[in-house]
């Protein structure tokens, strides 16, 4: 008898737990919102809302969370007063759609309402939903059909349990005192990303540039973030790769104007944190841009580069092809009064005004995260007016050491031509393999590293310069 009473008591407690009425909180209850976005499709959301709570057990549906929330990272806390004791939380991502409504009604009876196209009079039949996989199957009192006429619609008595009209995190917790409460839900989510884009305008003398930086935000997380405090983390944050498991199936969810300095930056651990100094709204399925930085008259240098390959020094190559192109590079220091801040990785697009004063695109390159005081180097393309021919003029095998290597001597000539109306300097870089020694050369080289010979070659206006060298290599 005692065991039976205990079972009845436990059953009653369980029924009482399920009987707790669910409350909901939505965007209109929001008091503050902060979003910190990382480079790697990750964001930290801190959503503060004010809502009324009961004493004891509460079931709260936190509506309008991100559809790509990582539920295991969710943390609910009370920002004032006694704390909460969290008992259970569920992420409801099975969203309400006509198809989902039909699928969840399998086994239930629904109404099929038909409208007479001539009279407009409606008639109703009842049917049981037998299946709703590819199409649907309805069982009427006297027949089974797999479709409905064009003049008919389906009506349901209620929304099946478990379907939500938007992504919702439902939580069950104990609250020590009834009344209004300030709550904050923080969680990590995918679907939010940012990248930096830079626009540089080169001066006519090509000795300085104006640089504007923009942050491009993309939100496909499944919810909006109105009037959010926005912060960005620049750096490579380590993330644990999840073990493989089938993912839950979810429904589909120019030259710019000058940018005013709009973000403050600070060091955070081994990364850099950028904070927008005003709230901004990020709508779902939206891309927006906010100003990052603006710098003017940044000193810049231009370089023409011809780079060889170490494989040229391993055999006989003869003619190596005609009209080698010199790469064009711009280089500037991330320093000075107008720049000198950590630059997030991104694409730098460079423009220059033509004779009529119209800005023309002249190239772009991608930069990595660049600390203050480091150099920024951009390859913009290949020079049209600076060409070269490279040719192997001699090759001798002086000794053969079998499997242990050998000794060779090889010679090259590089003719550099300049069609411009002013002289230019061209940097020639030759990677040298193994143990090498320069035997002779027409211009002195510098040894930038153990396996690199570098020449600075001046080429006269509308003229040419011949660079020759002979090198001995021991393998």
Protein backbone atom coordinates (compact mmCIF):
# COMPACT_ATOMS: atom_id res chain seq x y z
CA UNK A 1 0.00 0.00 0.00
CA UNK A 2 2.90 2.32 0.86
CA UNK A 3 4.58 1.53 -2.49
CA UNK A 4 1.34 2.30 -4.33
CA UNK A 5 0.99 5.65 -2.51
CA UNK A 6 4.60 6.53 -3.34
CA UNK A 7 4.03 5.72 -7.04
CA UNK A 8 0.92 7.89 -7.08
CA UNK A 9 2.85 10.71 -5.42
CA UNK A 10 5.70 10.51 -7.95
CA UNK A 11 3.25 10.40 -10.82
CA UNK A 12 1.51 13.45 -9.43
CA UNK A 13 4.80 15.34 -9.11
CA UNK A 14 5.73 14.47 -12.67
CA UNK A 15 2.34 15.64 -13.89
CA UNK A 16 2.74 18.87 -11.93
CA UNK A 17 6.13 19.46 -13.53
CA UNK A 18 4.69 19.13 -17.00
CA UNK A 19 1.77 21.29 -16.00
CA UNK A 20 3.97 24.34 -15.44
CA UNK A 21 2.78 26.86 -17.99
CA UNK A 22 5.43 28.01 -20.46
CA UNK A 23 6.26 31.70 -20.58
CA UNK A 24 8.00 33.33 -23.50
CA UNK A 25 10.34 36.26 -23.96
CA UNK A 26 11.01 37.94 -27.28
CA UNK A 27 12.91 40.83 -28.87
CA UNK A 28 10.49 43.40 -27.45
CA UNK A 29 11.71 42.42 -23.95
CA UNK A 30 15.32 43.11 -24.87
CA UNK A 31 17.19 45.65 -22.74
CA UNK A 32 20.71 45.21 -24.12
CA UNK A 33 22.47 43.23 -26.83
CA UNK A 34 26.17 42.70 -27.47
CA UNK A 35 27.68 40.72 -30.35
CA UNK A 36 31.35 39.78 -30.62
CA UNK A 37 32.22 38.34 -34.04
CA UNK A 38 35.33 36.28 -34.82
CA UNK A 39 37.06 35.71 -38.17
CA UNK A 40 36.09 32.03 -38.30
CA UNK A 41 32.27 32.03 -38.74
CA UNK A 42 31.73 32.31 -35.00
CA UNK A 43 30.11 34.90 -32.76
CA UNK A 44 29.42 35.38 -29.07
CA UNK A 45 25.94 36.78 -28.39
CA UNK A 46 24.95 38.36 -25.06
CA UNK A 47 21.20 38.97 -25.03
CA UNK A 48 19.73 40.77 -21.97
CA UNK A 49 15.97 40.81 -21.42
CA UNK A 50 13.52 41.74 -18.67
CA UNK A 51 10.66 39.37 -17.95
CA UNK A 52 8.44 38.27 -15.07
CA UNK A 53 9.16 34.99 -13.28
CA UNK A 54 7.26 32.80 -10.84
CA UNK A 55 8.65 31.52 -7.58
CA UNK A 56 9.79 27.95 -7.90
CA UNK A 57 9.86 26.15 -11.23
CA UNK A 58 9.66 28.16 -14.47
CA UNK A 59 9.54 27.11 -18.12
CA UNK A 60 10.82 29.97 -20.29
CA UNK A 61 10.88 30.02 -24.10
CA UNK A 62 13.65 32.38 -25.23
CA UNK A 63 12.51 33.29 -28.72
CA UNK A 64 14.60 34.72 -31.56
CA UNK A 65 17.86 33.01 -30.75
CA UNK A 66 20.19 32.30 -33.68
CA UNK A 67 19.20 29.33 -35.81
CA UNK A 68 22.86 28.24 -35.77
CA UNK A 69 23.23 28.50 -31.99
CA UNK A 70 25.52 25.98 -30.31
CA UNK A 71 23.11 24.96 -27.52
CA UNK A 72 25.83 23.42 -25.38
CA UNK A 73 27.42 26.88 -25.01
CA UNK A 74 24.25 28.61 -23.76
CA UNK A 75 24.50 30.23 -20.33
CA UNK A 76 21.51 31.85 -18.61
CA UNK A 77 22.13 34.07 -15.61
CA UNK A 78 20.27 36.61 -13.54
CA UNK A 79 22.14 39.93 -13.60
CA UNK A 80 20.72 41.06 -10.23
CA UNK A 81 19.29 39.37 -7.15
CA UNK A 82 19.42 35.69 -6.30
CA UNK A 83 20.60 33.27 -8.93
CA UNK A 84 18.72 30.66 -10.92
CA UNK A 85 19.10 26.88 -10.83
CA UNK A 86 18.92 25.54 -14.38
CA UNK A 87 17.25 22.13 -14.68
CA UNK A 88 16.88 21.57 -18.42
CA UNK A 89 17.17 23.34 -21.76
CA UNK A 90 16.07 22.44 -25.28
CA UNK A 91 16.85 24.04 -28.60
CA UNK A 92 13.76 23.90 -30.79
CA UNK A 93 14.86 24.29 -34.40
CA UNK A 94 11.97 22.36 -35.98
CA UNK A 95 10.31 25.43 -37.46
CA UNK A 96 6.68 25.80 -38.41
CA UNK A 97 6.05 25.44 -42.16
CA UNK A 98 3.10 24.01 -44.10
CA UNK A 99 5.09 20.85 -44.80
CA UNK A 100 6.20 20.45 -41.19
CA UNK A 101 2.64 21.03 -40.00
CA UNK A 102 1.48 18.22 -42.26
CA UNK A 103 4.33 15.89 -41.22
CA UNK A 104 3.61 16.41 -37.51
CA UNK A 105 -0.09 15.66 -38.10
CA UNK A 106 0.46 12.10 -39.37
CA UNK A 107 -2.14 9.92 -37.64
CA UNK A 108 -4.34 12.91 -36.81
CA UNK A 109 -7.64 13.96 -38.36
CA UNK A 110 -7.76 17.25 -40.22
CA UNK A 111 -10.38 19.15 -42.20
CA UNK A 112 -10.35 19.50 -45.98
CA UNK A 113 -12.33 22.60 -46.91
CA UNK A 114 -13.50 22.88 -50.52
CA UNK A 115 -14.89 25.99 -52.18
CA UNK A 116 -17.40 25.69 -55.02
CA UNK A 117 -15.90 27.78 -57.86
CA UNK A 118 -19.37 28.77 -59.13
CA UNK A 119 -21.23 29.60 -55.92
CA UNK A 120 -18.38 30.24 -53.49
CA UNK A 121 -20.04 27.92 -50.95
CA UNK A 122 -17.63 25.97 -48.73
CA UNK A 123 -18.00 22.32 -47.77
CA UNK A 124 -15.92 20.36 -45.26
CA UNK A 125 -14.75 16.76 -45.12
CA UNK A 126 -12.65 15.09 -42.46
CA UNK A 127 -9.60 13.00 -43.34
CA UNK A 128 -6.83 11.21 -41.48
CA UNK A 129 -3.25 11.99 -42.50
CA UNK A 130 -1.65 8.61 -43.29
CA UNK A 131 1.70 9.83 -44.63
CA UNK A 132 3.53 13.05 -45.51
CA UNK A 133 6.89 12.09 -46.95
CA UNK A 134 7.01 12.67 -50.71
CA UNK A 135 3.63 14.30 -51.12
CA UNK A 136 0.91 13.17 -48.70
CA UNK A 137 -1.82 10.53 -48.27
CA UNK A 138 -5.27 11.31 -46.82
CA UNK A 139 -7.85 8.73 -45.70
CA UNK A 140 -11.46 9.88 -45.99
CA UNK A 141 -14.48 7.97 -44.71
CA UNK A 142 -14.96 6.19 -48.05
CA UNK A 143 -11.63 6.52 -49.88
CA UNK A 144 -7.89 7.27 -49.80
CA UNK A 145 -6.49 10.15 -51.85
CA UNK A 146 -2.97 11.40 -52.52
CA UNK A 147 -3.81 14.95 -53.49
CA UNK A 148 -6.37 17.68 -52.95
CA UNK A 149 -8.20 19.70 -55.59
CA UNK A 150 -6.99 23.19 -56.49
CA UNK A 151 -10.08 24.68 -54.85
CA UNK A 152 -9.42 23.02 -51.46
CA UNK A 153 -7.31 23.85 -48.41
CA UNK A 154 -6.31 22.01 -45.24
CA UNK A 155 -7.33 23.11 -41.76
CA UNK A 156 -5.78 21.91 -38.49
CA UNK A 157 -7.27 21.97 -35.03
CA UNK A 158 -4.02 23.03 -33.34
CA UNK A 159 -0.27 23.39 -33.87
CA UNK A 160 1.45 20.08 -33.03
CA UNK A 161 3.72 20.13 -30.00
CA UNK A 162 7.38 20.81 -30.76
CA UNK A 163 6.88 23.13 -33.72
CA UNK A 164 8.05 26.73 -33.30
CA UNK A 165 7.53 29.68 -35.59
CA UNK A 166 11.16 30.77 -35.02
CA UNK A 167 14.29 29.29 -33.40
CA UNK A 168 13.68 29.06 -29.65
CA UNK A 169 15.72 27.99 -26.64
CA UNK A 170 13.35 26.64 -23.98
CA UNK A 171 14.68 26.40 -20.44
CA UNK A 172 13.37 24.95 -17.17
CA UNK A 173 14.82 26.40 -13.98
CA UNK A 174 14.13 27.13 -10.32
CA UNK A 175 13.65 30.76 -9.29
CA UNK A 176 13.82 31.68 -5.58
CA UNK A 177 11.56 34.75 -5.75
CA UNK A 178 8.64 35.85 -7.92
CA UNK A 179 8.67 39.15 -9.77
CA UNK A 180 10.38 40.93 -12.67
CA UNK A 181 13.91 39.72 -13.42
CA UNK A 182 16.83 40.94 -15.50
CA UNK A 183 18.18 37.93 -17.39
CA UNK A 184 21.13 37.53 -19.75
CA UNK A 185 21.54 34.65 -22.18
CA UNK A 186 24.97 34.25 -23.73
CA UNK A 187 25.85 31.69 -26.40
CA UNK A 188 28.10 30.96 -29.35
CA UNK A 189 26.64 30.75 -32.83
CA UNK A 190 27.69 30.23 -36.41
CA UNK A 191 26.34 32.21 -39.33
CA UNK A 192 27.99 35.51 -38.36
CA UNK A 193 31.25 36.55 -39.95
CA UNK A 194 33.32 39.60 -40.80
CA UNK A 195 36.19 40.54 -43.00
CA UNK A 196 38.22 43.66 -43.56
CA UNK A 197 38.37 45.43 -46.91
CA UNK A 198 40.70 48.29 -47.69
CA UNK A 199 40.59 50.93 -50.40
CA UNK A 200 43.85 52.76 -51.21
CA UNK A 201 44.29 55.67 -53.58
CA UNK A 202 47.80 56.19 -54.92
CA UNK A 203 48.98 59.74 -55.52
CA UNK A 204 50.10 60.93 -58.94
CA UNK A 205 53.76 60.84 -57.89
CA UNK A 206 53.23 57.29 -56.53
CA UNK A 207 55.10 58.14 -53.34
CA UNK A 208 52.14 58.06 -50.91
CA UNK A 209 48.59 56.77 -50.64
CA UNK A 210 45.35 57.38 -48.76
CA UNK A 211 43.98 54.27 -47.06
CA UNK A 212 40.40 53.62 -45.92
CA UNK A 213 39.42 50.45 -44.09
CA UNK A 214 35.96 48.90 -43.94
CA UNK A 215 34.50 45.97 -42.06
CA UNK A 216 32.05 43.82 -44.01
CA UNK A 217 29.59 41.95 -41.77
CA UNK A 218 27.52 39.00 -42.98
CA UNK A 219 24.61 37.58 -40.99
CA UNK A 220 23.05 34.27 -41.99
CA UNK A 221 22.55 33.07 -38.40
CA UNK A 222 18.75 33.01 -38.59
CA UNK A 223 17.91 36.03 -36.45
CA UNK A 224 18.42 39.80 -36.34
CA UNK A 225 20.51 41.78 -33.85
CA UNK A 226 18.87 45.19 -33.38
CA UNK A 227 20.85 48.06 -31.80
CA UNK A 228 23.70 45.77 -30.83
CA UNK A 229 27.02 46.73 -29.29
CA UNK A 230 29.39 45.36 -31.93
CA UNK A 231 32.89 44.06 -31.26
CA UNK A 232 35.24 42.19 -33.60
CA UNK A 233 38.08 39.83 -32.74
CA UNK A 234 41.02 39.79 -35.18
CA UNK A 235 43.33 36.80 -34.83
CA UNK A 236 43.42 33.05 -35.25
CA UNK A 237 41.45 31.58 -32.35
CA UNK A 238 41.90 27.83 -31.84
CA UNK A 239 38.69 25.82 -31.96
CA UNK A 240 38.17 22.15 -31.17
CA UNK A 241 36.98 20.23 -34.21
CA UNK A 242 33.83 18.28 -33.35
CA UNK A 243 33.71 14.52 -33.69
CA UNK A 244 31.71 13.50 -36.71
CA UNK A 245 28.02 12.96 -36.18
CA UNK A 246 25.08 13.48 -38.53
CA UNK A 247 23.90 17.05 -38.25
CA UNK A 248 20.21 17.74 -37.52
CA UNK A 249 18.35 18.48 -40.71
CA UNK A 250 17.27 22.12 -40.81
CA UNK A 251 15.31 24.20 -43.31
CA UNK A 252 16.93 26.88 -45.34
CA UNK A 253 16.90 29.48 -43.24
CA UNK A 254 33.35 50.05 -56.33
CA UNK A 255 35.36 52.81 -54.96
CA UNK A 256 34.00 53.70 -51.56
CA UNK A 257 33.69 57.09 -49.95
CA UNK A 258 36.28 58.05 -47.35
CA UNK A 259 35.74 56.25 -44.06
CA UNK A 260 35.76 58.11 -40.78
CA UNK A 261 37.67 56.39 -37.96
CA UNK A 262 34.86 54.52 -36.27
CA UNK A 263 36.40 51.67 -34.31
CA UNK A 264 38.56 51.63 -31.23
CA UNK A 265 41.05 48.79 -30.86
CA UNK A 266 42.73 47.14 -27.91
CA UNK A 267 44.83 44.05 -27.22
CA UNK A 268 42.93 41.03 -25.90
CA UNK A 269 45.08 38.04 -24.95
CA UNK A 270 47.00 37.29 -28.19
CA UNK A 271 44.37 38.91 -30.42
CA UNK A 272 43.05 42.38 -31.14
CA UNK A 273 39.57 43.59 -30.26
CA UNK A 274 37.82 46.27 -32.32
CA UNK A 275 34.79 48.04 -30.84
CA UNK A 276 32.29 50.08 -32.82
CA UNK A 277 31.65 53.31 -30.91
CA UNK A 278 27.90 53.29 -31.59
CA UNK A 279 25.17 50.63 -31.64
CA UNK A 280 24.26 49.08 -34.98
CA UNK A 281 21.57 46.73 -36.24
CA UNK A 282 22.44 43.60 -38.19
CA UNK A 283 19.43 42.12 -39.99
CA UNK A 284 19.19 38.45 -40.83
CA UNK A 285 20.46 37.56 -44.31
CA UNK A 286 22.17 40.93 -44.58
CA UNK A 287 25.63 42.17 -45.51
CA UNK A 288 26.59 45.57 -44.19
CA UNK A 289 29.73 47.67 -43.95
CA UNK A 290 31.00 49.89 -41.17
CA UNK A 291 34.06 52.13 -41.19
CA UNK A 292 37.24 50.75 -39.60
CA UNK A 293 39.99 53.33 -40.22
CA UNK A 294 41.11 56.24 -42.36
CA UNK A 295 44.74 57.25 -43.01
CA UNK A 296 46.11 59.84 -45.42
CA UNK A 297 49.50 60.50 -47.03
CA UNK A 298 51.00 57.16 -46.01
CA UNK A 299 54.52 56.98 -47.54
CA UNK A 300 54.80 54.15 -50.05
CA UNK A 301 57.52 52.62 -52.20
CA UNK A 302 57.17 50.87 -55.56
CA UNK A 303 59.30 47.93 -56.62
CA UNK A 304 59.76 46.03 -59.90
CA UNK A 305 60.72 42.41 -59.26
CA UNK A 306 62.07 39.61 -61.47
CA UNK A 307 62.32 36.33 -59.56
CA UNK A 308 63.96 33.16 -60.86
CA UNK A 309 63.67 29.55 -59.68
CA UNK A 310 66.23 27.25 -58.02
CA UNK A 311 65.47 24.49 -60.54
CA UNK A 312 67.28 26.56 -63.21
CA UNK A 313 70.56 25.52 -61.57
CA UNK A 314 70.14 21.76 -61.77
CA UNK A 315 70.78 21.10 -65.46
CA UNK A 316 70.93 22.49 -68.97
CA UNK A 317 68.00 24.76 -69.86
CA UNK A 318 69.17 26.85 -72.81
CA UNK A 319 66.56 29.47 -73.79
CA UNK A 320 64.03 29.87 -71.00
CA UNK A 321 61.38 31.82 -72.90
CA UNK A 322 60.84 35.36 -74.06
CA UNK A 323 59.33 38.48 -72.47
CA UNK A 324 59.51 37.69 -68.78
CA UNK A 325 57.30 40.14 -66.91
CA UNK A 326 58.42 42.17 -63.91
CA UNK A 327 56.03 42.04 -60.98
CA UNK A 328 54.90 45.39 -59.55
CA UNK A 329 54.79 45.73 -55.76
CA UNK A 330 53.81 48.51 -53.37
CA UNK A 331 55.21 48.52 -49.85
CA UNK A 332 54.48 50.74 -46.86
CA UNK A 333 55.02 50.67 -43.11
CA UNK A 334 52.09 50.22 -40.76
CA UNK A 335 53.35 53.15 -38.72
CA UNK A 336 53.11 56.90 -38.42
CA UNK A 337 50.57 59.33 -37.02
CA UNK A 338 47.79 58.52 -39.46
CA UNK A 339 48.20 54.71 -39.52
CA UNK A 340 50.12 52.61 -37.00
CA UNK A 341 47.29 50.37 -35.74
CA UNK A 342 46.89 46.58 -35.99
CA UNK A 343 45.37 45.79 -39.39
CA UNK A 344 42.99 42.80 -39.65
CA UNK A 345 43.56 40.49 -42.59
CA UNK A 346 41.67 41.36 -45.74
CA UNK A 347 41.89 42.55 -49.33
CA UNK A 348 43.50 45.87 -50.26
CA UNK A 349 42.24 47.37 -53.53
CA UNK A 350 44.35 50.13 -55.04
CA UNK A 351 43.18 52.97 -57.31
CA UNK A 352 44.92 55.84 -59.08
CA UNK A 353 43.44 58.86 -60.82
CA UNK A 354 43.93 59.21 -64.55
CA UNK A 355 44.70 62.47 -66.39
CA UNK A 356 41.01 63.43 -66.25
CA UNK A 357 40.87 62.93 -62.48
CA UNK A 358 38.85 59.67 -62.57
CA UNK A 359 39.96 56.94 -60.16
CA UNK A 360 40.97 53.73 -61.99
CA UNK A 361 41.47 50.31 -60.41
CA UNK A 362 45.13 49.23 -60.69
CA UNK A 363 45.26 46.01 -58.66
CA UNK A 364 44.56 44.26 -55.39
CA UNK A 365 46.21 41.89 -52.96
CA UNK A 366 45.36 40.09 -49.73
CA UNK A 367 47.16 40.91 -46.49
CA UNK A 368 47.38 38.83 -43.31
CA UNK A 369 46.86 40.21 -39.81
CA UNK A 370 49.52 42.92 -39.63
CA UNK A 371 50.81 44.24 -36.32
CA UNK A 372 51.74 47.85 -35.70
CA UNK A 373 55.19 48.65 -37.08
CA UNK A 374 55.19 45.79 -39.64
CA UNK A 375 55.46 46.25 -43.39
CA UNK A 376 52.54 45.83 -45.77
CA UNK A 377 53.54 44.49 -49.18
CA UNK A 378 51.08 44.32 -52.08
CA UNK A 379 51.50 42.73 -55.49
CA UNK A 380 49.38 44.69 -57.96
CA UNK A 381 50.23 42.84 -61.17
CA UNK A 382 52.91 42.75 -63.86
CA UNK A 383 54.51 45.77 -65.51
CA UNK A 384 53.50 46.41 -69.12
CA UNK A 385 56.62 48.39 -70.11
CA UNK A 386 59.32 46.35 -68.34
CA UNK A 387 60.24 43.03 -69.94
CA UNK A 388 63.18 40.66 -69.82
CA UNK A 389 64.78 37.72 -71.64
CA UNK A 390 66.64 35.10 -69.60
CA UNK A 391 69.06 32.66 -71.20
CA UNK A 392 71.53 30.05 -69.97
CA UNK A 393 74.83 30.77 -71.76
CA UNK A 394 77.02 27.99 -70.35
CA UNK A 395 76.82 24.77 -68.37
CA UNK A 396 79.73 22.55 -67.23
CA UNK A 397 79.80 19.48 -65.01
CA UNK A 398 83.14 19.80 -63.25
CA UNK A 399 82.93 16.72 -61.03
CA UNK A 400 80.60 13.82 -60.37
CA UNK A 401 80.49 12.38 -56.86
CA UNK A 402 78.00 9.65 -57.69
CA UNK A 403 75.11 9.41 -55.31
CA UNK A 404 76.74 11.94 -53.03
CA UNK A 405 76.38 14.76 -55.60
CA UNK A 406 78.61 16.69 -57.91
CA UNK A 407 80.09 20.06 -58.89
CA UNK A 408 78.66 22.17 -61.72
CA UNK A 409 79.24 25.63 -63.14
CA UNK A 410 76.57 27.50 -65.04
CA UNK A 411 76.19 30.98 -66.52
CA UNK A 412 73.15 33.12 -67.32
CA UNK A 413 72.34 36.42 -68.94
CA UNK A 414 69.25 38.52 -68.28
CA UNK A 415 68.39 41.34 -70.66
CA UNK A 416 65.98 43.84 -69.07
CA UNK A 417 64.19 46.35 -71.32
CA UNK A 418 62.43 49.52 -70.22
CA UNK A 419 59.92 51.23 -72.54
CA UNK A 420 59.11 54.00 -70.07
CA UNK A 421 60.22 57.59 -70.56
CA UNK A 422 62.09 57.55 -67.24
CA UNK A 423 64.73 55.18 -65.81
CA UNK A 424 63.64 52.41 -63.43
CA UNK A 425 65.24 50.12 -60.89
CA UNK A 426 64.50 46.42 -61.14
CA UNK A 427 65.18 43.96 -58.34
CA UNK A 428 66.43 40.58 -59.61
CA UNK A 429 66.16 37.69 -57.16
CA UNK A 430 67.77 34.33 -57.94
CA UNK A 431 67.26 31.43 -55.51
CA UNK A 432 70.52 29.44 -55.35
CA UNK A 433 70.42 25.77 -54.34
CA UNK A 434 72.93 23.81 -52.23
CA UNK A 435 76.46 25.16 -51.68
CA UNK A 436 77.05 27.97 -54.19
CA UNK A 437 79.75 30.49 -55.04
CA UNK A 438 79.54 33.40 -57.44
CA UNK A 439 82.41 33.12 -59.96
CA UNK A 440 81.78 36.30 -61.97
CA UNK A 441 79.04 38.89 -62.54
CA UNK A 442 78.44 42.12 -64.44
CA UNK A 443 76.96 43.85 -61.35
CA UNK A 444 77.70 43.11 -57.70
CA UNK A 445 75.04 41.04 -55.91
CA UNK A 446 73.97 40.99 -52.28
CA UNK A 447 73.33 37.81 -50.35
CA UNK A 448 69.94 38.38 -48.71
CA UNK A 449 69.87 34.85 -47.30
CA UNK A 450 71.91 31.66 -47.46
CA UNK A 451 70.35 30.66 -50.77
CA UNK A 452 69.44 33.96 -52.43
CA UNK A 453 71.41 36.30 -54.68
CA UNK A 454 69.92 39.75 -55.31
CA UNK A 455 70.84 42.45 -57.83
CA UNK A 456 69.51 46.01 -58.05
CA UNK A 457 69.58 46.81 -61.76
CA UNK A 458 69.07 50.32 -63.15
CA UNK A 459 67.54 50.34 -66.63
CA UNK A 460 67.69 53.63 -68.60
CA UNK A 461 64.64 55.28 -70.11
CA UNK A 462 63.61 53.56 -73.37
CA UNK A 463 66.74 51.43 -73.04
CA UNK A 464 68.01 48.09 -71.78
CA UNK A 465 70.56 46.63 -69.36
CA UNK A 466 72.30 43.26 -69.63
CA UNK A 467 72.96 41.39 -66.37
CA UNK A 468 75.28 38.37 -66.52
CA UNK A 469 76.53 35.99 -63.84
CA UNK A 470 78.40 32.70 -63.49
CA UNK A 471 77.94 30.52 -60.42
CA UNK A 472 79.56 27.31 -59.16
CA UNK A 473 77.30 24.91 -57.28
CA UNK A 474 78.27 21.90 -55.20
CA UNK A 475 75.53 19.34 -54.59
